[in-house]
PDB file of N, CA and C in Angstrom:
ATOM      1  N   MET A   1     134.607 123.983 136.754  1.00  0.00           N
ATOM      2  CA  MET A   1     135.363 122.517 136.908  1.00  0.00           C
ATOM      3  C   MET A   1     135.591 122.478 138.494  1.00  0.00           C
ATOM      4  N   GLU A   2     135.451 121.218 138.959  1.00  0.00           N
ATOM      5  CA  GLU A   2     135.799 120.985 140.550  1.00  0.00           C
ATOM      6  C   GLU A   2     137.107 120.820 140.752  1.00  0.00           C
ATOM      7  N   ARG A   3     137.444 121.593 141.871  1.00  0.00           N
ATOM      8  CA  ARG A   3     139.135 121.430 142.128  1.00  0.00           C
ATOM      9  C   ARG A   3     139.507 120.012 142.549  1.00  0.00           C
ATOM     10  N   ARG A   4     140.721 119.652 142.375  1.00  0.00           N
ATOM     11  CA  ARG A   4     140.950 118.412 142.690  1.00  0.00           C
ATOM     12  C   ARG A   4     141.016 118.162 144.175  1.00  0.00           C
ATOM     13  N   MET A   5     140.403 116.911 144.614  1.00  0.00           N
ATOM     14  CA  MET A   5     140.329 116.467 146.109  1.00  0.00           C
ATOM     15  C   MET A   5     141.512 115.739 146.436  1.00  0.00           C
ATOM     16  N   ASP A   6     142.532 116.319 147.189  1.00  0.00           N
ATOM     17  CA  ASP A   6     143.539 115.293 147.506  1.00  0.00           C
ATOM     18  C   ASP A   6     143.073 114.562 148.637  1.00  0.00           C
ATOM     19  N   ASN A   7     142.105 114.996 149.601  1.00  0.00           N
ATOM     20  CA  ASN A   7     141.712 114.167 150.721  1.00  0.00           C
ATOM     21  C   ASN A   7     140.217 114.183 150.659  1.00  0.00           C
ATOM     22  N   TRP A   8     139.763 112.982 151.211  1.00  0.00           N
ATOM     23  CA  TRP A   8     138.425 112.826 151.250  1.00  0.00           C
ATOM     24  C   TRP A   8     138.103 112.969 152.673  1.00  0.00           C
ATOM     25  N   ASN A   9     136.930 113.575 152.807  1.00  0.00           N
ATOM     26  CA  ASN A   9     136.522 113.826 154.201  1.00  0.00           C
ATOM     27  C   ASN A   9     135.152 112.942 154.128  1.00  0.00           C
ATOM     28  N   ASP A  10     134.568 112.633 155.269  1.00  0.00           N
ATOM     29  CA  ASP A  10     133.203 111.910 155.306  1.00  0.00           C
ATOM     30  C   ASP A  10     132.121 112.604 154.485  1.00  0.00           C
ATOM     31  N   ALA A  11     131.923 114.046 154.790  1.00  0.00           N
ATOM     32  CA  ALA A  11     130.777 114.446 154.103  1.00  0.00           C
ATOM     33  C   ALA A  11     131.000 114.504 152.358  1.00  0.00           C
ATOM     34  N   ARG A  12     132.413 114.672 151.956  1.00  0.00           N
ATOM     35  CA  ARG A  12     132.622 114.235 150.548  1.00  0.00           C
ATOM     36  C   ARG A  12     132.115 112.906 150.190  1.00  0.00           C
ATOM     37  N   LEU A  13     132.647 111.991 150.749  1.00  0.00           N
ATOM     38  CA  LEU A  13     132.294 110.528 150.686  1.00  0.00           C
ATOM     39  C   LEU A  13     130.618 110.462 150.681  1.00  0.00           C
ATOM     40  N   ASP A  14     129.810 110.917 151.806  1.00  0.00           N
ATOM     41  CA  ASP A  14     128.490 110.875 151.763  1.00  0.00           C
ATOM     42  C   ASP A  14     127.943 111.466 150.463  1.00  0.00           C
ATOM     43  N   GLU A  15     128.303 112.788 149.665  1.00  0.00           N
ATOM     44  CA  GLU A  15     127.771 113.255 148.698  1.00  0.00           C
ATOM     45  C   GLU A  15     127.941 112.434 147.632  1.00  0.00           C
ATOM     46  N   LEU A  16     129.384 111.961 147.467  1.00  0.00           N
ATOM     47  CA  LEU A  16     129.465 110.774 146.397  1.00  0.00           C
ATOM     48  C   LEU A  16     128.414 109.590 146.478  1.00  0.00           C
ATOM     49  N   ASN A  17     128.364 109.207 147.405  1.00  0.00           N
ATOM     50  CA  ASN A  17     127.670 108.116 147.666  1.00  0.00           C
ATOM     51  C   ASN A  17     125.998 108.281 147.315  1.00  0.00           C
ATOM     52  N   GLY A  18     125.448 109.388 147.847  1.00  0.00           N
ATOM     53  CA  GLY A  18     124.187 109.864 147.233  1.00  0.00           C
ATOM     54  C   GLY A  18     124.456 110.041 145.820  1.00  0.00           C
ATOM     55  N   ARG A  19     125.161 110.581 145.052  1.00  0.00           N
ATOM     56  CA  ARG A  19     125.094 110.833 143.604  1.00  0.00           C
ATOM     57  C   ARG A  19     125.126 109.456 142.724  1.00  0.00           C
ATOM     58  N   VAL A  20     125.882 108.283 143.664  1.00  0.00           N
ATOM     59  CA  VAL A  20     125.815 107.170 143.038  1.00  0.00           C
ATOM     60  C   VAL A  20     124.439 106.401 143.375  1.00  0.00           C
ATOM     61  N   ASP A  21     123.999 106.636 144.335  1.00  0.00           N
ATOM     62  CA  ASP A  21     122.511 106.179 144.646  1.00  0.00           C
ATOM     63  C   ASP A  21     121.479 106.723 143.716  1.00  0.00           C
ATOM     64  N   ASP A  22     121.492 108.051 143.373  1.00  0.00           N
ATOM     65  CA  ASP A  22     120.708 108.673 142.506  1.00  0.00           C
ATOM     66  C   ASP A  22     120.813 108.007 141.240  1.00  0.00           C
ATOM     67  N   GLY A  23     121.953 107.866 140.478  1.00  0.00           N
ATOM     68  CA  GLY A  23     122.351 107.360 139.391  1.00  0.00           C
ATOM     69  C   GLY A  23     121.561 105.831 139.293  1.00  0.00           C
ATOM     70  N   PHE A  24     121.787 105.143 140.364  1.00  0.00           N
ATOM     71  CA  PHE A  24     121.090 103.866 140.521  1.00  0.00           C
ATOM     72  C   PHE A  24     119.492 103.772 140.441  1.00  0.00           C
ATOM     73  N   LYS A  25     118.957 104.854 140.976  1.00  0.00           N
ATOM     74  CA  LYS A  25     117.556 104.992 140.965  1.00  0.00           C
ATOM     75  C   LYS A  25     117.067 105.123 139.667  1.00  0.00           C
ATOM     76  N   LYS A  26     118.046 106.131 138.967  1.00  0.00           N
ATOM     77  CA  LYS A  26     117.331 106.441 137.733  1.00  0.00           C
ATOM     78  C   LYS A  26     117.376 105.149 136.599  1.00  0.00           C
ATOM     79  N   VAL A  27     118.617 104.506 136.712  1.00  0.00           N
ATOM     80  CA  VAL A  27     118.575 103.436 136.002  1.00  0.00           C
ATOM     81  C   VAL A  27     117.512 102.001 136.564  1.00  0.00           C
ATOM     82  N   ASP A  28     117.340 102.112 137.825  1.00  0.00           N
ATOM     83  CA  ASP A  28     115.953 101.101 138.046  1.00  0.00           C
ATOM     84  C   ASP A  28     114.639 101.685 137.661  1.00  0.00           C
ATOM     85  N   GLU A  29     114.460 102.995 137.629  1.00  0.00           N
ATOM     86  CA  GLU A  29     113.236 103.528 136.940  1.00  0.00           C
ATOM     87  C   GLU A  29     113.224 103.268 135.528  1.00  0.00           C
ATOM     88  N   ARG A  30     114.474 103.159 134.607  1.00  0.00           N
ATOM     89  CA  ARG A  30     114.293 102.882 133.469  1.00  0.00           C
ATOM     90  C   ARG A  30     113.871 101.362 133.047  1.00  0.00           C
ATOM     91  N   PHE A  31     114.750 100.505 133.994  1.00  0.00           N
ATOM     92  CA  PHE A  31     114.170  99.038 133.872  1.00  0.00           C
ATOM     93  C   PHE A  31     112.802  98.744 134.446  1.00  0.00           C
ATOM     94  N   ASP A  32     112.457  99.579 135.289  1.00  0.00           N
ATOM     95  CA  ASP A  32     110.820  99.340 135.399  1.00  0.00           C
ATOM     96  C   ASP A  32     110.017  99.783 134.020  1.00  0.00           C
ATOM     97  N   LYS A  33     110.242 100.704 133.445  1.00  0.00           N
ATOM     98  CA  LYS A  33     109.663 101.026 132.227  1.00  0.00           C
ATOM     99  C   LYS A  33     109.801 100.059 131.235  1.00  0.00           C
ATOM    100  N   VAL A  34     111.181  99.404 131.084  1.00  0.00           N
ATOM    101  CA  VAL A  34     111.248  98.254 130.239  1.00  0.00           C
ATOM    102  C   VAL A  34     110.394  97.186 130.601  1.00  0.00           C
ATOM    103  N   ASP A  35     110.343  96.821 131.725  1.00  0.00           N
ATOM    104  CA  ASP A  35     109.509  95.494 132.500  1.00  0.00           C
ATOM    105  C   ASP A  35     107.912  95.914 132.085  1.00  0.00           C
ATOM    106  N   GLU A  36     107.465  97.262 132.037  1.00  0.00           N
ATOM    107  CA  GLU A  36     106.192  97.347 131.683  1.00  0.00           C
ATOM    108  C   GLU A  36     105.996  97.098 130.244  1.00  0.00           C
ATOM    109  N   ARG A  37     107.016  97.750 129.523  1.00  0.00           N
ATOM    110  CA  ARG A  37     106.682  97.439 127.921  1.00  0.00           C
ATOM    111  C   ARG A  37     106.777  95.861 127.558  1.00  0.00           C
ATOM    112  N   PHE A  38     107.736  95.194 128.231  1.00  0.00           N
ATOM    113  CA  PHE A  38     107.584  93.544 127.890  1.00  0.00           C
ATOM    114  C   PHE A  38     106.557  93.178 128.214  1.00  0.00           C
ATOM    115  N   GLU A  39     105.929  93.547 129.619  1.00  0.00           N
ATOM    116  CA  GLU A  39     104.456  93.116 130.068  1.00  0.00           C
ATOM    117  C   GLU A  39     103.420  93.289 128.849  1.00  0.00           C
ATOM    118  N   GLU A  40     103.510  94.608 128.484  1.00  0.00           N
ATOM    119  CA  GLU A  40     102.238  94.968 127.430  1.00  0.00           C
ATOM    120  C   GLU A  40     102.690  94.162 126.092  1.00  0.00           C
ATOM    121  N   ILE A  41     103.867  93.797 125.847  1.00  0.00           N
ATOM    122  CA  ILE A  41     104.167  93.101 124.267  1.00  0.00           C
ATOM    123  C   ILE A  41     103.731  91.555 124.786  1.00  0.00           C
ATOM    124  N   GLU A  42     104.154  91.225 125.826  1.00  0.00           N
ATOM    125  CA  GLU A  42     103.441  89.882 126.311  1.00  0.00           C
ATOM    126  C   GLU A  42     102.208  89.607 126.255  1.00  0.00           C
ATOM    127  N   SER A  43     101.268  90.458 126.676  1.00  0.00           N
ATOM    128  CA  SER A  43      99.909  90.443 126.758  1.00  0.00           C
ATOM    129  C   SER A  43      99.329  90.565 125.164  1.00  0.00           C
ATOM    130  N   GLU A  44     100.012  91.704 124.409  1.00  0.00           N
ATOM    131  CA  GLU A  44      99.734  91.677 122.999  1.00  0.00           C
ATOM    132  C   GLU A  44      99.872  90.295 122.234  1.00  0.00           C
ATOM    133  N   MET A  45     100.974  89.464 122.584  1.00  0.00           N
ATOM    134  CA  MET A  45     101.127  88.344 122.108  1.00  0.00           C
ATOM    135  C   MET A  45     100.289  87.194 122.537  1.00  0.00           C
ATOM    136  N   LYS A  46     100.008  87.359 123.927  1.00  0.00           N
ATOM    137  CA  LYS A  46      98.929  86.334 124.047  1.00  0.00           C
ATOM    138  C   LYS A  46      97.478  86.565 123.377  1.00  0.00           C
ATOM    139  N   ALA A  47      97.202  88.056 123.258  1.00  0.00           N
ATOM    140  CA  ALA A  47      95.830  87.986 122.676  1.00  0.00           C
ATOM    141  C   ALA A  47      95.754  87.559 121.196  1.00  0.00           C
ATOM    142  N   GLY A  48      97.100  87.885 120.584  1.00  0.00           N
ATOM    143  CA  GLY A  48      97.417  87.328 119.430  1.00  0.00           C
ATOM    144  C   GLY A  48      97.275  85.918 119.141  1.00  0.00           C
ATOM    145  N   PHE A  49      97.811  85.283 120.133  1.00  0.00           N
ATOM    146  CA  PHE A  49      97.862  83.772 119.767  1.00  0.00           C
ATOM    147  C   PHE A  49      96.277  83.292 120.090  1.00  0.00           C
ATOM    148  N   ALA A  50      95.423  83.989 120.886  1.00  0.00           N
ATOM    149  CA  ALA A  50      94.263  83.568 121.282  1.00  0.00           C
ATOM    150  C   ALA A  50      93.136  83.536 120.048  1.00  0.00           C
ATOM    151  N   LYS A  51      93.606  84.442 119.062  1.00  0.00           N
ATOM    152  CA  LYS A  51      92.870  84.827 117.868  1.00  0.00           C
ATOM    153  C   LYS A  51      93.269  83.704 116.624  1.00  0.00           C
ATOM    154  N   THR A  52      94.274  83.090 116.878  1.00  0.00           N
ATOM    155  CA  THR A  52      94.455  81.996 115.900  1.00  0.00           C
ATOM    156  C   THR A  52      93.558  80.901 115.709  1.00  0.00           C
ATOM    157  N   ALA A  53      93.316  80.186 114.671  1.00  0.00           N
ATOM    158  CA  ALA A  53      92.485  79.326 114.498  1.00  0.00           C
ATOM    159  C   ALA A  53      92.992  77.931 115.195  1.00  0.00           C
ATOM    160  N   SER A  54      92.017  77.261 115.551  1.00  0.00           N
ATOM    161  CA  SER A  54      92.635  75.987 116.497  1.00  0.00           C
ATOM    162  C   SER A  54      92.764  74.949 115.367  1.00  0.00           C
ATOM    163  N   LYS A  55      93.333  73.665 115.662  1.00  0.00           N
ATOM    164  CA  LYS A  55      93.704  72.840 114.561  1.00  0.00           C
ATOM    165  C   LYS A  55      92.406  71.986 113.967  1.00  0.00           C
ATOM    166  N   GLU A  56      91.214  72.215 115.002  1.00  0.00           N
ATOM    167  CA  GLU A  56      89.914  71.761 114.304  1.00  0.00           C
ATOM    168  C   GLU A  56      89.210  72.621 113.234  1.00  0.00           C
ATOM    169  N   GLU A  57      89.563  73.906 113.431  1.00  0.00           N
ATOM    170  CA  GLU A  57      89.129  74.604 112.545  1.00  0.00           C
ATOM    171  C   GLU A  57      89.822  74.713 111.334  1.00  0.00           C
ATOM    172  N   LEU A  58      91.178  74.547 111.102  1.00  0.00           N
ATOM    173  CA  LEU A  58      92.017  74.459 110.336  1.00  0.00           C
ATOM    174  C   LEU A  58      91.674  73.134 109.455  1.00  0.00           C
ATOM    175  N   LYS A  59      91.456  72.101 110.038  1.00  0.00           N
ATOM    176  CA  LYS A  59      91.030  70.689 109.411  1.00  0.00           C
ATOM    177  C   LYS A  59      89.835  71.014 108.886  1.00  0.00           C
ATOM    178  N   GLU A  60      88.645  71.773 109.308  1.00  0.00           N
ATOM    179  CA  GLU A  60      87.594  72.211 108.716  1.00  0.00           C
ATOM    180  C   GLU A  60      87.884  72.860 107.418  1.00  0.00           C
ATOM    181  N   VAL A  61      88.337  74.037 107.388  1.00  0.00           N
ATOM    182  CA  VAL A  61      88.709  74.657 106.292  1.00  0.00           C
ATOM    183  C   VAL A  61      89.472  73.845 105.269  1.00  0.00           C
ATOM    184  N   LYS A  62      90.358  72.989 105.559  1.00  0.00           N
ATOM    185  CA  LYS A  62      91.215  72.339 104.591  1.00  0.00           C
ATOM    186  C   LYS A  62      90.068  71.411 103.816  1.00  0.00           C
ATOM    187  N   GLY A  63      89.227  70.583 104.541  1.00  0.00           N
ATOM    188  CA  GLY A  63      88.319  70.091 104.106  1.00  0.00           C
ATOM    189  C   GLY A  63      87.423  70.643 103.032  1.00  0.00           C
ATOM    190  N   GLU A  64      86.848  71.871 103.330  1.00  0.00           N
ATOM    191  CA  GLU A  64      86.125  72.859 102.573  1.00  0.00           C
ATOM    192  C   GLU A  64      87.120  72.914 101.364  1.00  0.00           C
ATOM    193  N   LEU A  65      88.258  73.419 101.513  1.00  0.00           N
ATOM    194  CA  LEU A  65      89.162  73.619 100.320  1.00  0.00           C
ATOM    195  C   LEU A  65      89.176  72.562  99.122  1.00  0.00           C
ATOM    196  N   LYS A  66      89.246  71.349 100.020  1.00  0.00           N
ATOM    197  CA  LYS A  66      89.197  70.072  99.064  1.00  0.00           C
ATOM    198  C   LYS A  66      88.069  69.863  98.215  1.00  0.00           C
ATOM    199  N   TYR A  67      86.697  70.194  98.934  1.00  0.00           N
ATOM    200  CA  TYR A  67      85.456  69.887  98.574  1.00  0.00           C
ATOM    201  C   TYR A  67      85.259  71.067  97.028  1.00  0.00           C
ATOM    202  N   LEU A  68      85.795  72.203  97.573  1.00  0.00           N
ATOM    203  CA  LEU A  68      85.955  73.124  96.479  1.00  0.00           C
ATOM    204  C   LEU A  68      86.729  72.961  95.262  1.00  0.00           C
ATOM    205  N   SER A  69      87.886  72.459  95.554  1.00  0.00           N
ATOM    206  CA  SER A  69      88.917  72.327  94.719  1.00  0.00           C
ATOM    207  C   SER A  69      88.262  70.818  93.686  1.00  0.00           C
ATOM    208  N   GLY A  70      87.568  70.016  94.190  1.00  0.00           N
ATOM    209  CA  GLY A  70      87.042  69.064  93.504  1.00  0.00           C
ATOM    210  C   GLY A  70      85.881  69.525  92.521  1.00  0.00           C
ATOM    211  N   ARG A  71      84.929  70.523  93.123  1.00  0.00           N
ATOM    212  CA  ARG A  71      84.262  71.032  92.336  1.00  0.00           C
ATOM    213  C   ARG A  71      84.715  71.728  91.214  1.00  0.00           C
ATOM    214  N   ILE A  72      85.455  72.461  91.570  1.00  0.00           N
ATOM    215  CA  ILE A  72      86.212  73.309  90.187  1.00  0.00           C
ATOM    216  C   ILE A  72      86.804  72.389  89.285  1.00  0.00           C
ATOM    217  N   ASP A  73      87.230  71.117  89.701  1.00  0.00           N
ATOM    218  CA  ASP A  73      87.776  70.466  88.401  1.00  0.00           C
ATOM    219  C   ASP A  73      86.745  69.701  87.863  1.00  0.00           C
ATOM    220  N   ARG A  74      85.547  69.344  88.361  1.00  0.00           N
ATOM    221  CA  ARG A  74      84.747  68.891  87.834  1.00  0.00           C
ATOM    222  C   ARG A  74      84.035  69.760  86.718  1.00  0.00           C
ATOM    223  N   LEU A  75      83.840  71.079  87.048  1.00  0.00           N
ATOM    224  CA  LEU A  75      83.236  72.215  86.318  1.00  0.00           C
ATOM    225  C   LEU A  75      84.112  72.474  85.241  1.00  0.00           C
ATOM    226  N   LEU A  76      85.579  72.364  85.531  1.00  0.00           N
ATOM    227  CA  LEU A  76      86.480  72.328  84.273  1.00  0.00           C
ATOM    228  C   LEU A  76      86.516  71.263  83.166  1.00  0.00           C
ATOM    229  N   HIS A  77      86.340  70.165  83.836  1.00  0.00           N
ATOM    230  CA  HIS A  77      86.021  69.039  82.903  1.00  0.00           C
ATOM    231  C   HIS A  77      84.639  69.012  82.123  1.00  0.00           C
ATOM    232  N   ALA A  78      83.663  69.484  82.800  1.00  0.00           N
ATOM    233  CA  ALA A  78      82.383  69.843  82.033  1.00  0.00           C
ATOM    234  C   ALA A  78      82.518  70.801  80.839  1.00  0.00           C
ATOM    235  N   LEU A  79      83.172  71.802  81.355  1.00  0.00           N
ATOM    236  CA  LEU A  79      83.634  72.983  80.388  1.00  0.00           C
ATOM    237  C   LEU A  79      84.111  72.466  79.121  1.00  0.00           C
ATOM    238  N   MET A  80      85.423  71.468  79.392  1.00  0.00           N
ATOM    239  CA  MET A  80      86.190  71.196  78.187  1.00  0.00           C
ATOM    240  C   MET A  80      85.546  70.172  77.365  1.00  0.00           C
ATOM    241  N   ALA A  81      84.540  69.461  78.079  1.00  0.00           N
ATOM    242  CA  ALA A  81      83.783  68.428  77.263  1.00  0.00           C
ATOM    243  C   ALA A  81      82.753  69.226  76.103  1.00  0.00           C
ATOM    244  N   THR A  82      82.009  70.236  76.959  1.00  0.00           N
ATOM    245  CA  THR A  82      81.226  71.134  76.242  1.00  0.00           C
ATOM    246  C   THR A  82      81.926  71.609  75.078  1.00  0.00           C
ATOM    247  N   ILE A  83      83.098  72.182  75.211  1.00  0.00           N
ATOM    248  CA  ILE A  83      83.659  73.015  74.045  1.00  0.00           C
ATOM    249  C   ILE A  83      84.309  71.801  73.167  1.00  0.00           C
ATOM    250  N   THR A  84      84.668  70.762  73.450  1.00  0.00           N
ATOM    251  CA  THR A  84      85.017  69.622  72.579  1.00  0.00           C
ATOM    252  C   THR A  84      83.678  69.319  71.688  1.00  0.00           C
ATOM    253  N   PHE A  85      82.600  69.208  72.376  1.00  0.00           N
ATOM    254  CA  PHE A  85      81.355  68.680  71.773  1.00  0.00           C
ATOM    255  C   PHE A  85      81.001  70.027  70.867  1.00  0.00           C
ATOM    256  N   GLY A  86      81.014  71.186  71.298  1.00  0.00           N
ATOM    257  CA  GLY A  86      80.564  72.078  70.154  1.00  0.00           C
ATOM    258  C   GLY A  86      81.616  72.101  69.014  1.00  0.00           C
ATOM    259  N   ILE A  87      82.916  72.017  69.234  1.00  0.00           N
ATOM    260  CA  ILE A  87      83.956  71.922  68.162  1.00  0.00           C
ATOM    261  C   ILE A  87      83.562  70.922  66.972  1.00  0.00           C
ATOM    262  N   GLY A  88      83.027  69.661  67.707  1.00  0.00           N
ATOM    263  CA  GLY A  88      82.685  68.751  66.881  1.00  0.00           C
ATOM    264  C   GLY A  88      81.304  68.751  66.264  1.00  0.00           C
ATOM    265  N   VAL A  89      80.542  69.547  66.706  1.00  0.00           N
ATOM    266  CA  VAL A  89      79.132  69.566  66.157  1.00  0.00           C
ATOM    267  C   VAL A  89      79.206  70.620  65.001  1.00  0.00           C
ATOM    268  N   PHE A  90      80.141  71.629  65.388  1.00  0.00           N
ATOM    269  CA  PHE A  90      80.400  73.050  64.339  1.00  0.00           C
ATOM    270  C   PHE A  90      81.107  72.329  63.258  1.00  0.00           C
ATOM    271  N   GLY A  91      82.325  71.577  63.390  1.00  0.00           N
ATOM    272  CA  GLY A  91      82.841  70.956  62.422  1.00  0.00           C
ATOM    273  C   GLY A  91      82.036  70.046  61.447  1.00  0.00           C
ATOM    274  N   THR A  92      81.160  69.205  62.079  1.00  0.00           N
ATOM    275  CA  THR A  92      80.464  68.391  61.227  1.00  0.00           C
ATOM    276  C   THR A  92      79.429  69.397  60.506  1.00  0.00           C
ATOM    277  N   LEU A  93      78.649  70.329  60.968  1.00  0.00           N
ATOM    278  CA  LEU A  93      77.913  71.176  60.183  1.00  0.00           C
ATOM    279  C   LEU A  93      78.583  71.747  59.177  1.00  0.00           C
ATOM    280  N   GLY A  94      79.801  72.187  59.534  1.00  0.00           N
ATOM    281  CA  GLY A  94      80.802  72.880  58.512  1.00  0.00           C
ATOM    282  C   GLY A  94      80.881  71.930  57.171  1.00  0.00           C
ATOM    283  N   GLY A  95      81.196  70.840  57.494  1.00  0.00           N
ATOM    284  CA  GLY A  95      81.557  69.696  56.680  1.00  0.00           C
ATOM    285  C   GLY A  95      80.303  69.253  55.883  1.00  0.00           C
ATOM    286  N   VAL A  96      78.957  69.198  56.294  1.00  0.00           N
ATOM    287  CA  VAL A  96      77.977  69.063  55.795  1.00  0.00           C
ATOM    288  C   VAL A  96      77.628  70.388  54.765  1.00  0.00           C
ATOM    289  N   VAL A  97      77.659  71.573  55.013  1.00  0.00           N
ATOM    290  CA  VAL A  97      77.533  72.609  54.372  1.00  0.00           C
ATOM    291  C   VAL A  97      78.569  72.735  53.278  1.00  0.00           C
ATOM    292  N   VAL A  98      79.790  72.497  53.472  1.00  0.00           N
ATOM    293  CA  VAL A  98      80.747  72.203  52.217  1.00  0.00           C
ATOM    294  C   VAL A  98      80.240  71.131  51.272  1.00  0.00           C
ATOM    295  N   ALA A  99      80.009  69.977  51.721  1.00  0.00           N
ATOM    296  CA  ALA A  99      79.617  69.157  50.915  1.00  0.00           C
ATOM    297  C   ALA A  99      78.245  69.458  50.004  1.00  0.00           C
ATOM    298  N   LEU A 100      77.304  69.788  50.737  1.00  0.00           N
ATOM    299  CA  LEU A 100      76.223  70.395  49.839  1.00  0.00           C
ATOM    300  C   LEU A 100      76.215  71.470  48.968  1.00  0.00           C
ATOM    301  N   LEU A 101      77.070  72.284  49.170  1.00  0.00           N
ATOM    302  CA  LEU A 101      77.528  73.407  48.290  1.00  0.00           C
ATOM    303  C   LEU A 101      78.557  72.998  47.177  1.00  0.00           C
ATOM    304  N   SER A 102      79.254  71.632  47.293  1.00  0.00           N
ATOM    305  CA  SER A 102      80.144  71.369  46.199  1.00  0.00           C
ATOM    306  C   SER A 102      79.140  70.617  45.102  1.00  0.00           C
TER     307      SER A 102
END
């Protein structure tokens, strides 16, 4: 443990000043590292934004999805019509067979 200093001489003040300066140098070095990391993050974000689709590309995709949705709707409509027709034909045939067997 350091002994208590009752009086401060110039050499002691210079030593204290040097220690304070060293502490601030360490803080400055840490801030430089933080600044470098922020620059890395900023460049990564800019690269990520560059990869995003433009409004025109999104409109094109939206149009294609509407087209596909319409086609799927027509396909389901045709499928339901086919099933309904099939049920009608088999129902009629079943009725004819029952009538013939009676």
